[in-house]
PDB file of all heavy atoms in Angstrom:
ATOM      1  N   ARG A   1      22.791  88.773 129.598  1.00  0.00           N
ATOM      2  CA  ARG A   1      21.841  87.675 129.424  1.00  0.00           C
ATOM      3  C   ARG A   1      20.453  88.144 128.991  1.00  0.00           C
ATOM      4  O   ARG A   1      19.759  87.435 128.271  1.00  0.00           O
ATOM      5  CB  ARG A   1      21.712  86.868 130.726  1.00  0.00           C
ATOM      6  CG  ARG A   1      22.931  86.034 131.045  1.00  0.00           C
ATOM      7  CD  ARG A   1      22.762  85.299 132.380  1.00  0.00           C
ATOM      8  NE  ARG A   1      21.500  84.581 132.492  1.00  0.00           N
ATOM      9  CZ  ARG A   1      21.281  83.372 131.986  1.00  0.00           C
ATOM     10  NH1 ARG A   1      22.241  82.742 131.320  1.00  0.00           N
ATOM     11  NH2 ARG A   1      20.110  82.770 132.150  1.00  0.00           N
ATOM     12  N   LEU A   2      20.068  89.314 129.424  1.00  0.00           N
ATOM     13  CA  LEU A   2      18.712  89.786 129.153  1.00  0.00           C
ATOM     14  C   LEU A   2      18.697  90.746 127.963  1.00  0.00           C
ATOM     15  O   LEU A   2      19.335  91.795 127.995  1.00  0.00           O
ATOM     16  CB  LEU A   2      18.147  90.479 130.390  1.00  0.00           C
ATOM     17  CG  LEU A   2      16.703  90.982 130.275  1.00  0.00           C
ATOM     18  CD1 LEU A   2      15.742  89.821 130.030  1.00  0.00           C
ATOM     19  CD2 LEU A   2      16.322  91.752 131.537  1.00  0.00           C
ATOM     20  N   THR A   3      17.952  90.364 126.932  1.00  0.00           N
ATOM     21  CA  THR A   3      17.813  91.179 125.727  1.00  0.00           C
ATOM     22  C   THR A   3      16.386  91.691 125.627  1.00  0.00           C
ATOM     23  O   THR A   3      15.425  90.934 125.803  1.00  0.00           O
ATOM     24  CB  THR A   3      18.150  90.361 124.468  1.00  0.00           C
ATOM     25  OG1 THR A   3      19.515  89.955 124.520  1.00  0.00           O
ATOM     26  CG2 THR A   3      17.925  91.185 123.205  1.00  0.00           C
ATOM     27  N   ALA A   4      16.251  92.988 125.364  1.00  0.00           N
ATOM     28  CA  ALA A   4      14.938  93.590 125.140  1.00  0.00           C
ATOM     29  C   ALA A   4      14.796  93.927 123.666  1.00  0.00           C
ATOM     30  O   ALA A   4      15.783  94.219 122.978  1.00  0.00           O
ATOM     31  CB  ALA A   4      14.778  94.852 125.987  1.00  0.00           C
ATOM     32  N   GLY A   5      13.559  93.881 123.163  1.00  0.00           N
ATOM     33  CA  GLY A   5      13.370  94.149 121.750  1.00  0.00           C
ATOM     34  C   GLY A   5      12.007  94.714 121.421  1.00  0.00           C
ATOM     35  O   GLY A   5      11.081  94.728 122.251  1.00  0.00           O
ATOM     36  N   LEU A   6      11.895  95.184 120.188  1.00  0.00           N
ATOM     37  CA  LEU A   6      10.656  95.739 119.653  1.00  0.00           C
ATOM     38  C   LEU A   6      10.471  95.210 118.241  1.00  0.00           C
ATOM     39  O   LEU A   6      11.395  95.251 117.422  1.00  0.00           O
ATOM     40  CB  LEU A   6      10.722  97.266 119.634  1.00  0.00           C
ATOM     41  CG  LEU A   6       9.475  98.024 119.165  1.00  0.00           C
ATOM     42  CD1 LEU A   6       8.314  97.758 120.121  1.00  0.00           C
ATOM     43  CD2 LEU A   6       9.775  99.513 119.057  1.00  0.00           C
ATOM     44  N   ASP A   7       9.270  94.700 117.951  1.00  0.00           N
ATOM     45  CA  ASP A   7       8.959  94.076 116.673  1.00  0.00           C
ATOM     46  C   ASP A   7       7.714  94.739 116.094  1.00  0.00           C
ATOM     47  O   ASP A   7       6.605  94.558 116.615  1.00  0.00           O
ATOM     48  CB  ASP A   7       8.739  92.570 116.886  1.00  0.00           C
ATOM     49  CG  ASP A   7       8.596  91.798 115.586  1.00  0.00           C
ATOM     50  OD1 ASP A   7       8.761  92.387 114.510  1.00  0.00           O
ATOM     51  OD2 ASP A   7       8.311  90.579 115.660  1.00  0.00           O
ATOM     52  N   LEU A   8       7.894  95.520 115.028  1.00  0.00           N
ATOM     53  CA  LEU A   8       6.796  96.241 114.389  1.00  0.00           C
ATOM     54  C   LEU A   8       6.646  95.757 112.951  1.00  0.00           C
ATOM     55  O   LEU A   8       7.633  95.580 112.245  1.00  0.00           O
ATOM     56  CB  LEU A   8       7.063  97.749 114.375  1.00  0.00           C
ATOM     57  CG  LEU A   8       7.409  98.411 115.715  1.00  0.00           C
ATOM     58  CD1 LEU A   8       7.728  99.895 115.499  1.00  0.00           C
ATOM     59  CD2 LEU A   8       6.276  98.252 116.710  1.00  0.00           C
ATOM     60  N   GLY A   9       5.410  95.545 112.521  1.00  0.00           N
ATOM     61  CA  GLY A   9       5.206  95.111 111.137  1.00  0.00           C
ATOM     62  C   GLY A   9       3.894  94.388 110.987  1.00  0.00           C
ATOM     63  O   GLY A   9       2.834  94.885 111.357  1.00  0.00           O
ATOM     64  N   ARG A  10       3.967  93.157 110.426  1.00  0.00           N
ATOM     65  CA  ARG A  10       2.784  92.343 110.203  1.00  0.00           C
ATOM     66  C   ARG A  10       2.852  91.067 111.014  1.00  0.00           C
ATOM     67  O   ARG A  10       3.903  90.426 111.099  1.00  0.00           O
ATOM     68  CB  ARG A  10       2.648  91.994 108.714  1.00  0.00           C
ATOM     69  CG  ARG A  10       2.277  93.177 107.840  1.00  0.00           C
ATOM     70  CD  ARG A  10       0.835  93.616 108.057  1.00  0.00           C
ATOM     71  NE  ARG A  10       0.503  94.793 107.285  1.00  0.00           N
ATOM     72  CZ  ARG A  10      -0.015  94.748 106.058  1.00  0.00           C
ATOM     73  NH1 ARG A  10      -0.225  93.571 105.485  1.00  0.00           N
ATOM     74  NH2 ARG A  10      -0.301  95.847 105.410  1.00  0.00           N
ATOM     75  N   ALA A  11       1.736  90.675 111.607  1.00  0.00           N
ATOM     76  CA  ALA A  11       1.643  89.452 112.393  1.00  0.00           C
ATOM     77  C   ALA A  11       1.416  88.255 111.479  1.00  0.00           C
ATOM     78  O   ALA A  11       1.348  88.382 110.255  1.00  0.00           O
ATOM     79  CB  ALA A  11       0.504  89.574 113.406  1.00  0.00           C
ATOM     80  N   ILE A  12       1.270  87.073 112.060  1.00  0.00           N
ATOM     81  CA  ILE A  12       1.021  85.853 111.310  1.00  0.00           C
ATOM     82  C   ILE A  12      -0.239  85.992 110.468  1.00  0.00           C
ATOM     83  O   ILE A  12      -0.307  85.538 109.326  1.00  0.00           O
ATOM     84  CB  ILE A  12       0.895  84.660 112.276  1.00  0.00           C
ATOM     85  CG1 ILE A  12       2.206  84.480 113.054  1.00  0.00           C
ATOM     86  CG2 ILE A  12       0.537  83.373 111.520  1.00  0.00           C
ATOM     87  CD1 ILE A  12       2.082  83.588 114.266  1.00  0.00           C
ATOM     88  N   SER A  13      -1.242  86.646 111.008  1.00  0.00           N
ATOM     89  CA  SER A  13      -2.514  86.826 110.317  1.00  0.00           C
ATOM     90  C   SER A  13      -2.442  87.854 109.202  1.00  0.00           C
ATOM     91  O   SER A  13      -3.368  87.966 108.396  1.00  0.00           O
ATOM     92  CB  SER A  13      -3.578  87.261 111.323  1.00  0.00           C
ATOM     93  OG  SER A  13      -3.234  88.523 111.887  1.00  0.00           O
ATOM     94  N   GLY A  14      -1.362  88.634 109.151  1.00  0.00           N
ATOM     95  CA  GLY A  14      -1.260  89.722 108.194  1.00  0.00           C
ATOM     96  C   GLY A  14      -1.673  91.058 108.775  1.00  0.00           C
ATOM     97  O   GLY A  14      -1.515  92.095 108.129  1.00  0.00           O
ATOM     98  N   ALA A  15      -2.203  91.054 110.007  1.00  0.00           N
ATOM     99  CA  ALA A  15      -2.618  92.296 110.644  1.00  0.00           C
ATOM    100  C   ALA A  15      -1.403  93.056 111.185  1.00  0.00           C
ATOM    101  O   ALA A  15      -0.336  92.485 111.410  1.00  0.00           O
ATOM    102  CB  ALA A  15      -3.592  91.995 111.787  1.00  0.00           C
ATOM    103  N   ILE A  16      -1.587  94.353 111.414  1.00  0.00           N
ATOM    104  CA  ILE A  16      -0.508  95.185 111.934  1.00  0.00           C
ATOM    105  C   ILE A  16      -0.195  94.795 113.376  1.00  0.00           C
ATOM    106  O   ILE A  16      -1.097  94.569 114.191  1.00  0.00           O
ATOM    107  CB  ILE A  16      -0.902  96.669 111.866  1.00  0.00           C
ATOM    108  CG1 ILE A  16      -1.067  97.098 110.397  1.00  0.00           C
ATOM    109  CG2 ILE A  16       0.140  97.544 112.557  1.00  0.00           C
ATOM    110  CD1 ILE A  16      -1.568  98.511 110.238  1.00  0.00           C
ATOM    111  N   LYS A  17       1.103  94.699 113.694  1.00  0.00           N
ATOM    112  CA  LYS A  17       1.521  94.317 115.047  1.00  0.00           C
ATOM    113  C   LYS A  17       2.503  95.320 115.624  1.00  0.00           C
ATOM    114  O   LYS A  17       3.280  95.951 114.899  1.00  0.00           O
ATOM    115  CB  LYS A  17       2.177  92.934 115.047  1.00  0.00           C
ATOM    116  CG  LYS A  17       3.531  92.898 114.356  1.00  0.00           C
ATOM    117  CD  LYS A  17       4.197  91.536 114.477  1.00  0.00           C
ATOM    118  CE  LYS A  17       5.518  91.530 113.696  1.00  0.00           C
ATOM    119  NZ  LYS A  17       6.184  90.211 113.739  1.00  0.00           N
ATOM    120  N   SER A  18       2.484  95.443 116.941  1.00  0.00           N
ATOM    121  CA  SER A  18       3.464  96.199 117.716  1.00  0.00           C
ATOM    122  C   SER A  18       3.721  95.392 118.981  1.00  0.00           C
ATOM    123  O   SER A  18       2.864  95.355 119.869  1.00  0.00           O
ATOM    124  CB  SER A  18       2.948  97.591 118.068  1.00  0.00           C
ATOM    125  OG  SER A  18       2.638  98.337 116.912  1.00  0.00           O
ATOM    126  N   VAL A  19       4.875  94.744 119.056  1.00  0.00           N
ATOM    127  CA  VAL A  19       5.161  93.838 120.169  1.00  0.00           C
ATOM    128  C   VAL A  19       6.520  94.166 120.773  1.00  0.00           C
ATOM    129  O   VAL A  19       7.523  94.248 120.063  1.00  0.00           O
ATOM    130  CB  VAL A  19       5.154  92.361 119.700  1.00  0.00           C
ATOM    131  CG1 VAL A  19       5.517  91.439 120.859  1.00  0.00           C
ATOM    132  CG2 VAL A  19       3.791  91.986 119.134  1.00  0.00           C
ATOM    133  N   GLY A  20       6.566  94.352 122.085  1.00  0.00           N
ATOM    134  CA  GLY A  20       7.812  94.450 122.818  1.00  0.00           C
ATOM    135  C   GLY A  20       8.091  93.131 123.506  1.00  0.00           C
ATOM    136  O   GLY A  20       7.151  92.417 123.889  1.00  0.00           O
ATOM    137  N   PHE A  21       9.354  92.791 123.673  1.00  0.00           N
ATOM    138  CA  PHE A  21       9.658  91.483 124.243  1.00  0.00           C
ATOM    139  C   PHE A  21      10.946  91.504 125.055  1.00  0.00           C
ATOM    140  O   PHE A  21      11.791  92.394 124.909  1.00  0.00           O
ATOM    141  CB  PHE A  21       9.763  90.415 123.147  1.00  0.00           C
ATOM    142  CG  PHE A  21      10.878  90.639 122.153  1.00  0.00           C
ATOM    143  CD1 PHE A  21      12.163  90.166 122.390  1.00  0.00           C
ATOM    144  CD2 PHE A  21      10.636  91.324 120.976  1.00  0.00           C
ATOM    145  CE1 PHE A  21      13.184  90.371 121.483  1.00  0.00           C
ATOM    146  CE2 PHE A  21      11.658  91.548 120.063  1.00  0.00           C
ATOM    147  CZ  PHE A  21      12.936  91.063 120.309  1.00  0.00           C
ATOM    148  N   LEU A  22      11.092  90.487 125.927  1.00  0.00           N
ATOM    149  CA  LEU A  22      12.308  90.200 126.667  1.00  0.00           C
ATOM    150  C   LEU A  22      12.729  88.772 126.353  1.00  0.00           C
ATOM    151  O   LEU A  22      11.886  87.890 126.199  1.00  0.00           O
ATOM    152  CB  LEU A  22      12.085  90.358 128.166  1.00  0.00           C
ATOM    153  CG  LEU A  22      11.786  91.768 128.679  1.00  0.00           C
ATOM    154  CD1 LEU A  22      11.440  91.723 130.162  1.00  0.00           C
ATOM    155  CD2 LEU A  22      12.963  92.704 128.429  1.00  0.00           C
ATOM    156  N   GLN A  23      14.036  88.560 126.261  1.00  0.00           N
ATOM    157  CA  GLN A  23      14.551  87.240 125.901  1.00  0.00           C
ATOM    158  C   GLN A  23      15.723  86.863 126.800  1.00  0.00           C
ATOM    159  O   GLN A  23      16.577  87.698 127.100  1.00  0.00           O
ATOM    160  CB  GLN A  23      14.988  87.224 124.434  1.00  0.00           C
ATOM    161  CG  GLN A  23      15.495  85.878 123.958  1.00  0.00           C
ATOM    162  CD  GLN A  23      15.596  85.823 122.446  1.00  0.00           C
ATOM    163  OE1 GLN A  23      14.596  85.925 121.735  1.00  0.00           O
ATOM    164  NE2 GLN A  23      16.808  85.680 121.930  1.00  0.00           N
ATOM    165  N   LEU A  24      15.735  85.597 127.241  1.00  0.00           N
ATOM    166  CA  LEU A  24      16.794  85.065 128.091  1.00  0.00           C
ATOM    167  C   LEU A  24      17.338  83.770 127.499  1.00  0.00           C
ATOM    168  O   LEU A  24      16.568  82.952 126.983  1.00  0.00           O
ATOM    169  CB  LEU A  24      16.266  84.770 129.499  1.00  0.00           C
ATOM    170  CG  LEU A  24      16.185  85.909 130.506  1.00  0.00           C
ATOM    171  CD1 LEU A  24      15.418  85.452 131.736  1.00  0.00           C
ATOM    172  CD2 LEU A  24      17.580  86.410 130.892  1.00  0.00           C
ATOM    173  N   PRO A  25      18.665  83.549 127.570  1.00  0.00           N
ATOM    174  CA  PRO A  25      19.219  82.269 127.119  1.00  0.00           C
ATOM    175  C   PRO A  25      18.809  81.134 128.049  1.00  0.00           C
ATOM    176  O   PRO A  25      18.679  81.325 129.257  1.00  0.00           O
ATOM    177  CB  PRO A  25      20.730  82.510 127.142  1.00  0.00           C
ATOM    178  CG  PRO A  25      20.930  83.622 128.125  1.00  0.00           C
ATOM    179  CD  PRO A  25      19.712  84.485 128.021  1.00  0.00           C
ATOM    180  N   LEU A  26      18.613  79.956 127.472  1.00  0.00           N
ATOM    181  CA  LEU A  26      18.252  78.770 128.242  1.00  0.00           C
ATOM    182  C   LEU A  26      19.402  77.777 128.332  1.00  0.00           C
ATOM    183  O   LEU A  26      19.269  76.746 128.995  1.00  0.00           O
ATOM    184  CB  LEU A  26      17.041  78.081 127.598  1.00  0.00           C
ATOM    185  CG  LEU A  26      15.785  78.945 127.456  1.00  0.00           C
ATOM    186  CD1 LEU A  26      14.693  78.169 126.729  1.00  0.00           C
ATOM    187  CD2 LEU A  26      15.295  79.428 128.820  1.00  0.00           C
ATOM    188  N   THR A  27      20.514  78.078 127.680  1.00  0.00           N
ATOM    189  CA  THR A  27      21.681  77.196 127.682  1.00  0.00           C
ATOM    190  C   THR A  27      22.911  77.968 128.132  1.00  0.00           C
ATOM    191  O   THR A  27      22.915  79.206 128.165  1.00  0.00           O
ATOM    192  CB  THR A  27      21.927  76.611 126.282  1.00  0.00           C
ATOM    193  OG1 THR A  27      21.970  77.681 125.320  1.00  0.00           O
ATOM    194  CG2 THR A  27      20.828  75.646 125.882  1.00  0.00           C
ATOM    195  N   ALA A  28      23.966  77.242 128.460  1.00  0.00           N
ATOM    196  CA  ALA A  28      25.217  77.866 128.880  1.00  0.00           C
ATOM    197  C   ALA A  28      25.845  78.628 127.715  1.00  0.00           C
ATOM    198  O   ALA A  28      25.641  78.272 126.547  1.00  0.00           O
ATOM    199  CB  ALA A  28      26.190  76.801 129.390  1.00  0.00           C
ATOM    200  N   PRO A  29      26.622  79.682 128.006  1.00  0.00           N
ATOM    201  CA  PRO A  29      27.229  80.476 126.932  1.00  0.00           C
ATOM    202  C   PRO A  29      28.110  79.665 125.987  1.00  0.00           C
ATOM    203  O   PRO A  29      28.225  80.007 124.801  1.00  0.00           O
ATOM    204  CB  PRO A  29      28.060  81.521 127.693  1.00  0.00           C
ATOM    205  CG  PRO A  29      27.395  81.634 129.026  1.00  0.00           C
ATOM    206  CD  PRO A  29      26.883  80.261 129.339  1.00  0.00           C
ATOM    207  N   ASP A  30      28.740  78.576 126.495  1.00  0.00           N
ATOM    208  CA  ASP A  30      29.637  77.797 125.647  1.00  0.00           C
ATOM    209  C   ASP A  30      28.952  76.567 125.042  1.00  0.00           C
ATOM    210  O   ASP A  30      29.604  75.721 124.441  1.00  0.00           O
ATOM    211  CB  ASP A  30      30.871  77.354 126.443  1.00  0.00           C
ATOM    212  CG  ASP A  30      30.509  76.541 127.685  1.00  0.00           C
ATOM    213  OD1 ASP A  30      29.309  76.478 128.021  1.00  0.00           O
ATOM    214  OD2 ASP A  30      31.435  75.977 128.320  1.00  0.00           O
ATOM    215  N   ALA A  31      27.640  76.457 125.174  1.00  0.00           N
ATOM    216  CA  ALA A  31      26.925  75.311 124.599  1.00  0.00           C
ATOM    217  C   ALA A  31      26.951  75.390 123.075  1.00  0.00           C
ATOM    218  O   ALA A  31      26.687  76.459 122.506  1.00  0.00           O
ATOM    219  CB  ALA A  31      25.482  75.290 125.093  1.00  0.00           C
ATOM    220  N   PRO A  32      27.248  74.292 122.372  1.00  0.00           N
ATOM    221  CA  PRO A  32      27.255  74.315 120.893  1.00  0.00           C
ATOM    222  C   PRO A  32      25.892  74.669 120.315  1.00  0.00           C
ATOM    223  O   PRO A  32      25.797  75.418 119.347  1.00  0.00           O
ATOM    224  CB  PRO A  32      27.664  72.891 120.526  1.00  0.00           C
ATOM    225  CG  PRO A  32      28.357  72.351 121.737  1.00  0.00           C
ATOM    226  CD  PRO A  32      27.679  72.998 122.909  1.00  0.00           C
ATOM    227  N   LEU A  33      24.830  74.123 120.922  1.00  0.00           N
ATOM    228  CA  LEU A  33      23.470  74.434 120.489  1.00  0.00           C
ATOM    229  C   LEU A  33      22.873  75.449 121.456  1.00  0.00           C
ATOM    230  O   LEU A  33      22.687  75.165 122.636  1.00  0.00           O
ATOM    231  CB  LEU A  33      22.617  73.168 120.456  1.00  0.00           C
ATOM    232  CG  LEU A  33      21.141  73.361 120.054  1.00  0.00           C
ATOM    233  CD1 LEU A  33      21.038  73.880 118.630  1.00  0.00           C
ATOM    234  CD2 LEU A  33      20.363  72.071 120.218  1.00  0.00           C
TER     235      LEU A  33
END
């Protein structure tokens, strides 16, 4: 359920970004959406 990630590149503003993140599902595994 828990996914970790790293996002390196350009932000919305165009500036350089380095962001780490954690992500969790909000719906059941068999949910269509």
